[in-house]
Amino acid sequence: MTALEVVQRSESRYRVGAQAFRLGQSWQPYPRLLELARGELRRLTAATRASSVLAVPCDGHILIAAASLARPEDHRLFRPGSTVPQRIGRFCPVWQAEHGLVAVEAAITLPTGRAVGSIAAVLAPPQPLAALSDTVARAARTLGAALVRKADPVSPMSL
């Protein structure tokens, strides 16, 4: 494993090696989802002043695939790569209550109806939630539509 750079020896311990790190950096829950979601998450955070996350199902939990955080204290809960308990594919209400948060979610769906994840705005109550649902749903629809658009043709100059 060391020779393959999957792990690195550091004194008497092992840590993630360069190859494992590069593999992790290239992971995608769905083609182009991360690159498209990052901009949409920033826009959602700016519009709502709430932290926003891209969440995908992972082994019975929700994996935070990307985040745009409005509050520094949200970093420990919504760091990309972290997992959150789920209930029926959504943020677990008990977990939300334990952390004093409310997650307003909307599924990111393809025209086929297949959900590839969800986008959520996460805030501490008693923030007003009325318009937030529409804003989050619009962001999810924008992402779903962007995923199915044909990629721009590659120009020879960009190779």
N, C-alpha and C. Protein backbone atom coordinates (compact mmCIF):
# COMPACT_ATOMS: atom_id res chain seq x y z
N MET A 1 0.82 -1.18 0.00
CA MET A 1 0.00 0.00 0.00
C MET A 1 0.88 1.27 0.00
N THR A 2 1.98 1.23 0.70
CA THR A 2 2.87 2.38 0.73
C THR A 2 3.49 2.60 -0.65
N ALA A 3 3.91 1.53 -1.31
CA ALA A 3 4.52 1.64 -2.63
C ALA A 3 3.53 2.20 -3.65
N LEU A 4 2.26 1.91 -3.48
CA LEU A 4 1.22 2.41 -4.39
C LEU A 4 0.76 3.82 -4.03
N GLU A 5 1.31 4.38 -2.97
CA GLU A 5 0.97 5.71 -2.45
C GLU A 5 -0.48 5.82 -1.98
N VAL A 6 -1.05 4.70 -1.57
CA VAL A 6 -2.40 4.71 -1.01
C VAL A 6 -2.31 5.20 0.44
N VAL A 7 -1.24 4.80 1.12
CA VAL A 7 -0.97 5.29 2.48
C VAL A 7 0.47 5.79 2.53
N GLN A 8 0.75 6.62 3.52
CA GLN A 8 2.09 7.14 3.77
C GLN A 8 2.44 6.83 5.21
N ARG A 9 3.65 6.42 5.42
CA ARG A 9 4.09 6.19 6.79
C ARG A 9 4.62 7.51 7.35
N SER A 10 4.17 7.85 8.55
CA SER A 10 4.61 9.06 9.22
C SER A 10 4.95 8.67 10.65
N GLU A 11 6.23 8.56 10.93
CA GLU A 11 6.72 8.07 12.21
C GLU A 11 6.15 6.67 12.43
N SER A 12 5.39 6.43 13.47
CA SER A 12 4.86 5.09 13.72
C SER A 12 3.40 4.95 13.29
N ARG A 13 2.91 5.89 12.49
CA ARG A 13 1.51 5.88 12.05
C ARG A 13 1.43 5.88 10.53
N TYR A 14 0.21 5.60 10.06
CA TYR A 14 -0.07 5.70 8.63
C TYR A 14 -1.11 6.79 8.42
N ARG A 15 -1.02 7.43 7.28
CA ARG A 15 -2.02 8.43 6.91
C ARG A 15 -2.33 8.27 5.42
N VAL A 16 -3.34 8.98 4.97
CA VAL A 16 -3.77 8.90 3.57
C VAL A 16 -2.60 9.29 2.67
N GLY A 17 -2.37 8.48 1.65
CA GLY A 17 -1.31 8.76 0.70
C GLY A 17 -1.80 9.62 -0.45
N ALA A 18 -0.85 10.01 -1.30
CA ALA A 18 -1.15 10.92 -2.42
C ALA A 18 -2.17 10.33 -3.39
N GLN A 19 -2.05 9.05 -3.72
CA GLN A 19 -2.99 8.44 -4.67
C GLN A 19 -4.40 8.40 -4.09
N ALA A 20 -4.54 8.03 -2.83
CA ALA A 20 -5.87 7.98 -2.20
C ALA A 20 -6.46 9.39 -2.14
N PHE A 21 -5.62 10.38 -1.85
CA PHE A 21 -6.10 11.76 -1.81
C PHE A 21 -6.60 12.19 -3.18
N ARG A 22 -5.82 11.93 -4.24
CA ARG A 22 -6.24 12.30 -5.60
C ARG A 22 -7.53 11.59 -6.00
N LEU A 23 -7.65 10.33 -5.63
CA LEU A 23 -8.88 9.58 -5.93
C LEU A 23 -10.07 10.22 -5.23
N GLY A 24 -9.91 10.58 -3.99
CA GLY A 24 -10.98 11.23 -3.24
C GLY A 24 -11.38 12.57 -3.83
N GLN A 25 -10.40 13.32 -4.32
CA GLN A 25 -10.68 14.63 -4.91
C GLN A 25 -11.46 14.53 -6.21
N SER A 26 -11.35 13.39 -6.89
CA SER A 26 -12.04 13.24 -8.18
C SER A 26 -13.40 12.57 -8.04
N TRP A 27 -13.79 12.19 -6.84
CA TRP A 27 -15.07 11.52 -6.63
C TRP A 27 -16.24 12.43 -7.00
N GLN A 28 -17.24 11.88 -7.66
CA GLN A 28 -18.45 12.61 -8.03
C GLN A 28 -19.67 11.74 -7.71
N PRO A 29 -20.66 12.28 -7.02
CA PRO A 29 -21.87 11.50 -6.78
C PRO A 29 -22.69 11.31 -8.06
N TYR A 30 -22.53 12.23 -9.01
CA TYR A 30 -23.18 12.19 -10.31
C TYR A 30 -22.35 13.09 -11.21
N PRO A 31 -22.15 12.72 -12.49
CA PRO A 31 -21.29 13.54 -13.34
C PRO A 31 -21.65 15.03 -13.33
N ARG A 32 -20.66 15.86 -13.08
CA ARG A 32 -20.73 17.33 -13.07
C ARG A 32 -21.52 17.91 -11.89
N LEU A 33 -22.07 17.08 -11.03
CA LEU A 33 -22.90 17.60 -9.94
C LEU A 33 -22.11 18.52 -9.01
N LEU A 34 -20.91 18.12 -8.62
CA LEU A 34 -20.14 18.96 -7.69
C LEU A 34 -19.77 20.31 -8.30
N GLU A 35 -19.28 20.31 -9.53
CA GLU A 35 -18.87 21.59 -10.14
C GLU A 35 -20.06 22.53 -10.29
N LEU A 36 -21.23 22.01 -10.66
CA LEU A 36 -22.41 22.84 -10.81
C LEU A 36 -22.98 23.27 -9.45
N ALA A 37 -22.92 22.38 -8.48
CA ALA A 37 -23.51 22.65 -7.17
C ALA A 37 -22.76 23.75 -6.42
N ARG A 38 -21.47 23.81 -6.55
CA ARG A 38 -20.70 24.79 -5.77
C ARG A 38 -21.18 26.22 -6.03
N GLY A 39 -21.38 26.58 -7.28
CA GLY A 39 -21.86 27.92 -7.60
C GLY A 39 -23.28 28.14 -7.10
N GLU A 40 -24.12 27.13 -7.26
CA GLU A 40 -25.52 27.24 -6.81
C GLU A 40 -25.58 27.36 -5.29
N LEU A 41 -24.72 26.64 -4.58
CA LEU A 41 -24.69 26.74 -3.12
C LEU A 41 -24.27 28.13 -2.66
N ARG A 42 -23.27 28.70 -3.34
CA ARG A 42 -22.84 30.07 -2.99
C ARG A 42 -23.99 31.06 -3.20
N ARG A 43 -24.69 30.92 -4.34
CA ARG A 43 -25.83 31.82 -4.61
C ARG A 43 -26.93 31.64 -3.57
N LEU A 44 -27.22 30.40 -3.20
CA LEU A 44 -28.26 30.12 -2.21
C LEU A 44 -27.88 30.71 -0.85
N THR A 45 -26.64 30.56 -0.45
CA THR A 45 -26.19 31.12 0.82
C THR A 45 -26.28 32.65 0.80
N ALA A 46 -25.88 33.26 -0.30
CA ALA A 46 -25.95 34.72 -0.40
C ALA A 46 -27.40 35.20 -0.36
N ALA A 47 -28.31 34.47 -1.00
CA ALA A 47 -29.71 34.89 -1.06
C ALA A 47 -30.45 34.67 0.25
N THR A 48 -30.06 33.63 1.00
CA THR A 48 -30.81 33.26 2.20
C THR A 48 -30.09 33.58 3.51
N ARG A 49 -28.80 33.85 3.42
CA ARG A 49 -27.96 34.03 4.61
C ARG A 49 -28.00 32.80 5.51
N ALA A 50 -28.23 31.64 4.92
CA ALA A 50 -28.21 30.36 5.63
C ALA A 50 -27.12 29.50 5.01
N SER A 51 -26.53 28.62 5.80
CA SER A 51 -25.58 27.68 5.22
C SER A 51 -26.34 26.76 4.27
N SER A 52 -25.71 26.41 3.17
CA SER A 52 -26.36 25.51 2.22
C SER A 52 -25.43 24.36 1.91
N VAL A 53 -26.03 23.19 1.69
CA VAL A 53 -25.25 21.98 1.46
C VAL A 53 -25.84 21.17 0.31
N LEU A 54 -24.95 20.43 -0.33
CA LEU A 54 -25.33 19.40 -1.29
C LEU A 54 -25.22 18.09 -0.55
N ALA A 55 -26.32 17.37 -0.46
CA ALA A 55 -26.36 16.12 0.29
C ALA A 55 -26.68 14.97 -0.65
N VAL A 56 -25.98 13.85 -0.48
CA VAL A 56 -26.25 12.65 -1.27
C VAL A 56 -26.35 11.46 -0.33
N PRO A 57 -27.19 10.47 -0.68
CA PRO A 57 -27.32 9.30 0.19
C PRO A 57 -26.02 8.50 0.21
N CYS A 58 -25.71 7.95 1.38
CA CYS A 58 -24.47 7.17 1.53
C CYS A 58 -24.60 6.21 2.71
N ASP A 59 -24.74 4.93 2.43
CA ASP A 59 -24.75 3.90 3.46
C ASP A 59 -25.72 4.20 4.61
N GLY A 60 -26.93 4.60 4.29
CA GLY A 60 -27.94 4.86 5.33
C GLY A 60 -27.83 6.21 6.00
N HIS A 61 -26.90 7.03 5.55
CA HIS A 61 -26.73 8.38 6.08
C HIS A 61 -26.83 9.37 4.93
N ILE A 62 -26.64 10.62 5.24
CA ILE A 62 -26.52 11.67 4.23
C ILE A 62 -25.07 12.12 4.24
N LEU A 63 -24.46 12.09 3.07
CA LEU A 63 -23.08 12.56 2.93
C LEU A 63 -23.11 14.01 2.46
N ILE A 64 -22.39 14.85 3.16
CA ILE A 64 -22.26 16.25 2.73
C ILE A 64 -21.19 16.27 1.65
N ALA A 65 -21.63 16.48 0.40
CA ALA A 65 -20.71 16.45 -0.74
C ALA A 65 -20.07 17.81 -0.99
N ALA A 66 -20.79 18.88 -0.69
CA ALA A 66 -20.27 20.24 -0.85
C ALA A 66 -21.07 21.16 0.07
N ALA A 67 -20.48 22.28 0.42
CA ALA A 67 -21.16 23.21 1.34
C ALA A 67 -20.71 24.64 1.09
N SER A 68 -21.61 25.55 1.39
CA SER A 68 -21.31 26.98 1.43
C SER A 68 -21.86 27.45 2.77
N LEU A 69 -20.96 27.79 3.67
CA LEU A 69 -21.36 28.04 5.05
C LEU A 69 -21.51 29.52 5.36
N ALA A 70 -22.61 29.85 6.01
CA ALA A 70 -22.87 31.23 6.41
C ALA A 70 -22.36 31.49 7.82
N ARG A 71 -22.28 30.43 8.62
CA ARG A 71 -21.84 30.58 10.01
C ARG A 71 -20.62 29.70 10.25
N PRO A 72 -19.56 30.23 10.83
CA PRO A 72 -18.36 29.43 11.08
C PRO A 72 -18.64 28.17 11.91
N GLU A 73 -19.58 28.25 12.83
CA GLU A 73 -19.85 27.10 13.69
C GLU A 73 -20.47 25.93 12.94
N ASP A 74 -20.96 26.16 11.73
CA ASP A 74 -21.53 25.08 10.93
C ASP A 74 -20.46 24.17 10.33
N HIS A 75 -19.20 24.61 10.34
CA HIS A 75 -18.12 23.84 9.71
C HIS A 75 -17.99 22.44 10.32
N ARG A 76 -18.12 22.31 11.59
CA ARG A 76 -17.92 20.98 12.20
C ARG A 76 -19.03 20.01 11.83
N LEU A 77 -20.22 20.50 11.53
CA LEU A 77 -21.34 19.61 11.17
C LEU A 77 -21.42 19.37 9.66
N PHE A 78 -21.05 20.36 8.86
CA PHE A 78 -21.28 20.29 7.42
C PHE A 78 -20.01 20.33 6.59
N ARG A 79 -18.94 19.84 7.14
CA ARG A 79 -17.68 19.74 6.40
C ARG A 79 -17.87 18.71 5.27
N PRO A 80 -17.52 19.05 4.03
CA PRO A 80 -17.65 18.05 2.96
C PRO A 80 -16.93 16.75 3.33
N GLY A 81 -17.64 15.66 3.13
CA GLY A 81 -17.14 14.34 3.51
C GLY A 81 -17.75 13.83 4.80
N SER A 82 -18.36 14.73 5.58
CA SER A 82 -18.99 14.28 6.83
C SER A 82 -20.36 13.69 6.53
N THR A 83 -20.85 12.90 7.45
CA THR A 83 -22.17 12.30 7.29
C THR A 83 -23.11 12.78 8.38
N VAL A 84 -24.39 12.76 8.05
CA VAL A 84 -25.44 13.23 8.94
C VAL A 84 -26.52 12.15 8.96
N PRO A 85 -27.12 11.87 10.12
CA PRO A 85 -28.20 10.89 10.15
C PRO A 85 -29.37 11.32 9.27
N GLN A 86 -30.01 10.33 8.65
CA GLN A 86 -31.15 10.64 7.80
C GLN A 86 -32.37 9.83 8.24
N ARG A 87 -33.50 10.33 7.84
CA ARG A 87 -34.76 9.63 8.06
C ARG A 87 -35.55 9.77 6.77
N ILE A 88 -35.79 8.67 6.12
CA ILE A 88 -36.51 8.62 4.85
C ILE A 88 -35.85 9.55 3.83
N GLY A 89 -34.52 9.51 3.76
CA GLY A 89 -33.79 10.28 2.78
C GLY A 89 -33.65 11.76 3.07
N ARG A 90 -34.06 12.20 4.24
CA ARG A 90 -33.97 13.62 4.60
C ARG A 90 -33.20 13.75 5.91
N PHE A 91 -32.77 14.97 6.20
CA PHE A 91 -32.07 15.20 7.47
C PHE A 91 -32.97 14.75 8.61
N CYS A 92 -32.43 13.95 9.51
CA CYS A 92 -33.20 13.42 10.63
C CYS A 92 -33.69 14.56 11.53
N PRO A 93 -35.02 14.64 11.77
CA PRO A 93 -35.55 15.71 12.62
C PRO A 93 -34.97 15.71 14.04
N VAL A 94 -34.71 14.52 14.58
CA VAL A 94 -34.13 14.44 15.93
C VAL A 94 -32.73 15.05 15.93
N TRP A 95 -31.94 14.73 14.91
CA TRP A 95 -30.59 15.29 14.79
C TRP A 95 -30.67 16.81 14.66
N GLN A 96 -31.61 17.30 13.85
CA GLN A 96 -31.77 18.75 13.69
C GLN A 96 -32.08 19.40 15.04
N ALA A 97 -33.00 18.81 15.79
CA ALA A 97 -33.39 19.35 17.10
C ALA A 97 -32.21 19.33 18.07
N GLU A 98 -31.43 18.25 18.06
CA GLU A 98 -30.27 18.15 18.95
C GLU A 98 -29.25 19.26 18.69
N HIS A 99 -29.15 19.68 17.45
CA HIS A 99 -28.17 20.71 17.08
C HIS A 99 -28.78 22.09 16.92
N GLY A 100 -30.08 22.22 17.22
CA GLY A 100 -30.75 23.52 17.14
C GLY A 100 -30.80 24.07 15.72
N LEU A 101 -31.03 23.20 14.75
CA LEU A 101 -31.04 23.59 13.35
C LEU A 101 -32.34 23.19 12.67
N VAL A 102 -32.62 23.84 11.57
CA VAL A 102 -33.72 23.45 10.69
C VAL A 102 -33.14 23.34 9.29
N ALA A 103 -33.38 22.20 8.64
CA ALA A 103 -32.92 22.01 7.27
C ALA A 103 -34.13 22.08 6.34
N VAL A 104 -34.06 22.99 5.40
CA VAL A 104 -35.11 23.11 4.37
C VAL A 104 -34.51 22.48 3.11
N GLU A 105 -35.09 21.36 2.68
CA GLU A 105 -34.48 20.56 1.62
C GLU A 105 -35.35 20.46 0.38
N ALA A 106 -34.69 20.20 -0.73
CA ALA A 106 -35.38 19.91 -1.99
C ALA A 106 -34.52 18.92 -2.77
N ALA A 107 -35.17 17.92 -3.34
CA ALA A 107 -34.45 16.92 -4.13
C ALA A 107 -33.98 17.51 -5.45
N ILE A 108 -32.82 17.07 -5.88
CA ILE A 108 -32.29 17.41 -7.20
C ILE A 108 -32.65 16.23 -8.09
N THR A 109 -33.56 16.46 -9.03
CA THR A 109 -34.03 15.36 -9.87
C THR A 109 -33.70 15.60 -11.33
N LEU A 110 -33.50 14.51 -12.03
CA LEU A 110 -33.31 14.54 -13.47
C LEU A 110 -34.68 14.47 -14.13
N PRO A 111 -34.78 14.77 -15.43
CA PRO A 111 -36.08 14.68 -16.10
C PRO A 111 -36.72 13.28 -16.01
N THR A 112 -35.90 12.27 -15.80
CA THR A 112 -36.42 10.90 -15.65
C THR A 112 -37.11 10.70 -14.31
N GLY A 113 -36.96 11.67 -13.40
CA GLY A 113 -37.53 11.55 -12.07
C GLY A 113 -36.53 11.01 -11.05
N ARG A 114 -35.37 10.56 -11.51
CA ARG A 114 -34.34 10.02 -10.61
C ARG A 114 -33.74 11.15 -9.78
N ALA A 115 -33.73 10.96 -8.47
CA ALA A 115 -33.10 11.94 -7.57
C ALA A 115 -31.61 11.60 -7.47
N VAL A 116 -30.75 12.61 -7.62
CA VAL A 116 -29.31 12.40 -7.53
C VAL A 116 -28.73 13.00 -6.25
N GLY A 117 -29.57 13.57 -5.43
CA GLY A 117 -29.15 14.19 -4.18
C GLY A 117 -30.16 15.23 -3.79
N SER A 118 -29.77 16.06 -2.85
CA SER A 118 -30.65 17.15 -2.45
C SER A 118 -29.80 18.37 -2.11
N ILE A 119 -30.44 19.49 -2.15
CA ILE A 119 -29.82 20.74 -1.74
C ILE A 119 -30.61 21.22 -0.53
N ALA A 120 -29.91 21.72 0.46
CA ALA A 120 -30.60 22.16 1.68
C ALA A 120 -30.00 23.46 2.18
N ALA A 121 -30.87 24.30 2.71
CA ALA A 121 -30.46 25.49 3.44
C ALA A 121 -30.65 25.13 4.91
N VAL A 122 -29.63 25.36 5.70
CA VAL A 122 -29.66 24.97 7.10
C VAL A 122 -29.46 26.20 7.96
N LEU A 123 -30.40 26.44 8.87
CA LEU A 123 -30.31 27.63 9.71
C LEU A 123 -30.79 27.33 11.12
N ALA A 124 -30.44 28.23 11.99
CA ALA A 124 -30.87 28.12 13.39
C ALA A 124 -32.19 28.87 13.53
N PRO A 125 -33.22 28.24 14.11
CA PRO A 125 -34.48 28.95 14.32
C PRO A 125 -34.25 30.10 15.29
N PRO A 126 -35.06 31.07 15.34
CA PRO A 126 -36.38 31.25 14.74
C PRO A 126 -36.35 32.05 13.44
N GLN A 127 -35.48 31.74 12.53
CA GLN A 127 -35.43 32.44 11.24
C GLN A 127 -36.73 32.18 10.47
N PRO A 128 -37.20 33.12 9.67
CA PRO A 128 -38.41 32.90 8.86
C PRO A 128 -38.15 31.87 7.77
N LEU A 129 -39.06 30.88 7.66
CA LEU A 129 -38.86 29.80 6.72
C LEU A 129 -39.77 29.88 5.49
N ALA A 130 -40.73 30.78 5.48
CA ALA A 130 -41.75 30.81 4.42
C ALA A 130 -41.15 30.86 3.02
N ALA A 131 -40.38 31.85 2.70
CA ALA A 131 -39.84 32.00 1.34
C ALA A 131 -38.65 31.08 1.10
N LEU A 132 -38.08 30.54 2.16
CA LEU A 132 -36.90 29.71 2.03
C LEU A 132 -37.18 28.44 1.23
N SER A 133 -38.33 27.82 1.45
CA SER A 133 -38.67 26.58 0.72
C SER A 133 -38.67 26.81 -0.78
N ASP A 134 -39.27 27.90 -1.22
CA ASP A 134 -39.31 28.20 -2.66
C ASP A 134 -37.91 28.44 -3.21
N THR A 135 -37.09 29.14 -2.46
CA THR A 135 -35.73 29.45 -2.91
C THR A 135 -34.90 28.18 -3.03
N VAL A 136 -35.02 27.28 -2.06
CA VAL A 136 -34.28 26.02 -2.09
C VAL A 136 -34.79 25.15 -3.24
N ALA A 137 -36.09 25.08 -3.42
CA ALA A 137 -36.66 24.28 -4.52
C ALA A 137 -36.19 24.80 -5.88
N ARG A 138 -36.14 26.11 -6.02
CA ARG A 138 -35.67 26.72 -7.28
C ARG A 138 -34.21 26.34 -7.53
N ALA A 139 -33.39 26.37 -6.49
CA ALA A 139 -31.97 26.01 -6.63
C ALA A 139 -31.84 24.54 -7.04
N ALA A 140 -32.64 23.66 -6.46
CA ALA A 140 -32.60 22.24 -6.82
C ALA A 140 -33.03 22.03 -8.27
N ARG A 141 -34.07 22.73 -8.71
CA ARG A 141 -34.52 22.61 -10.11
C ARG A 141 -33.43 23.12 -11.06
N THR A 142 -32.78 24.21 -10.70
CA THR A 142 -31.71 24.77 -11.53
C THR A 142 -30.58 23.76 -11.68
N LEU A 143 -30.20 23.11 -10.59
CA LEU A 143 -29.14 22.10 -10.64
C LEU A 143 -29.56 20.91 -11.49
N GLY A 144 -30.77 20.41 -11.29
CA GLY A 144 -31.25 19.27 -12.07
C GLY A 144 -31.25 19.56 -13.56
N ALA A 145 -31.71 20.75 -13.92
CA ALA A 145 -31.73 21.14 -15.34
C ALA A 145 -30.32 21.27 -15.89
N ALA A 146 -29.41 21.83 -15.11
CA ALA A 146 -28.03 22.02 -15.57
C ALA A 146 -27.33 20.69 -15.80
N LEU A 147 -27.69 19.67 -15.05
CA LEU A 147 -27.03 18.37 -15.19
C LEU A 147 -27.34 17.70 -16.52
N VAL A 148 -28.50 18.01 -17.10
CA VAL A 148 -28.88 17.33 -18.33
C VAL A 148 -28.54 18.14 -19.59
N ARG A 149 -28.15 19.39 -19.43
CA ARG A 149 -27.73 20.18 -20.59
C ARG A 149 -26.48 19.57 -21.19
N LYS A 150 -26.39 19.63 -22.49
CA LYS A 150 -25.20 19.10 -23.16
C LYS A 150 -24.01 19.97 -22.79
N ALA A 151 -22.90 19.32 -22.56
CA ALA A 151 -21.66 20.05 -22.25
C ALA A 151 -21.23 20.82 -23.49
N ASP A 152 -20.59 21.94 -23.27
CA ASP A 152 -20.05 22.72 -24.38
C ASP A 152 -19.03 21.88 -25.12
N PRO A 153 -19.01 21.96 -26.45
CA PRO A 153 -18.01 21.20 -27.19
C PRO A 153 -16.60 21.64 -26.79
N VAL A 154 -15.70 20.69 -26.75
CA VAL A 154 -14.32 20.99 -26.38
C VAL A 154 -13.62 21.59 -27.58
N SER A 155 -13.05 22.77 -27.39
CA SER A 155 -12.31 23.39 -28.49
C SER A 155 -10.88 22.87 -28.48
N PRO A 156 -10.26 22.78 -29.64
CA PRO A 156 -8.87 22.30 -29.70
C PRO A 156 -7.93 23.17 -28.87
N MET A 157 -8.28 24.44 -28.66
CA MET A 157 -7.43 25.35 -27.90
C MET A 157 -7.42 25.01 -26.42
N SER A 158 -8.47 24.30 -25.93
CA SER A 158 -8.53 24.01 -24.50
C SER A 158 -7.87 22.70 -24.15
N LEU A 159 -7.36 21.98 -25.15
CA LEU A 159 -6.71 20.69 -24.88
C LEU A 159 -5.26 20.86 -24.53
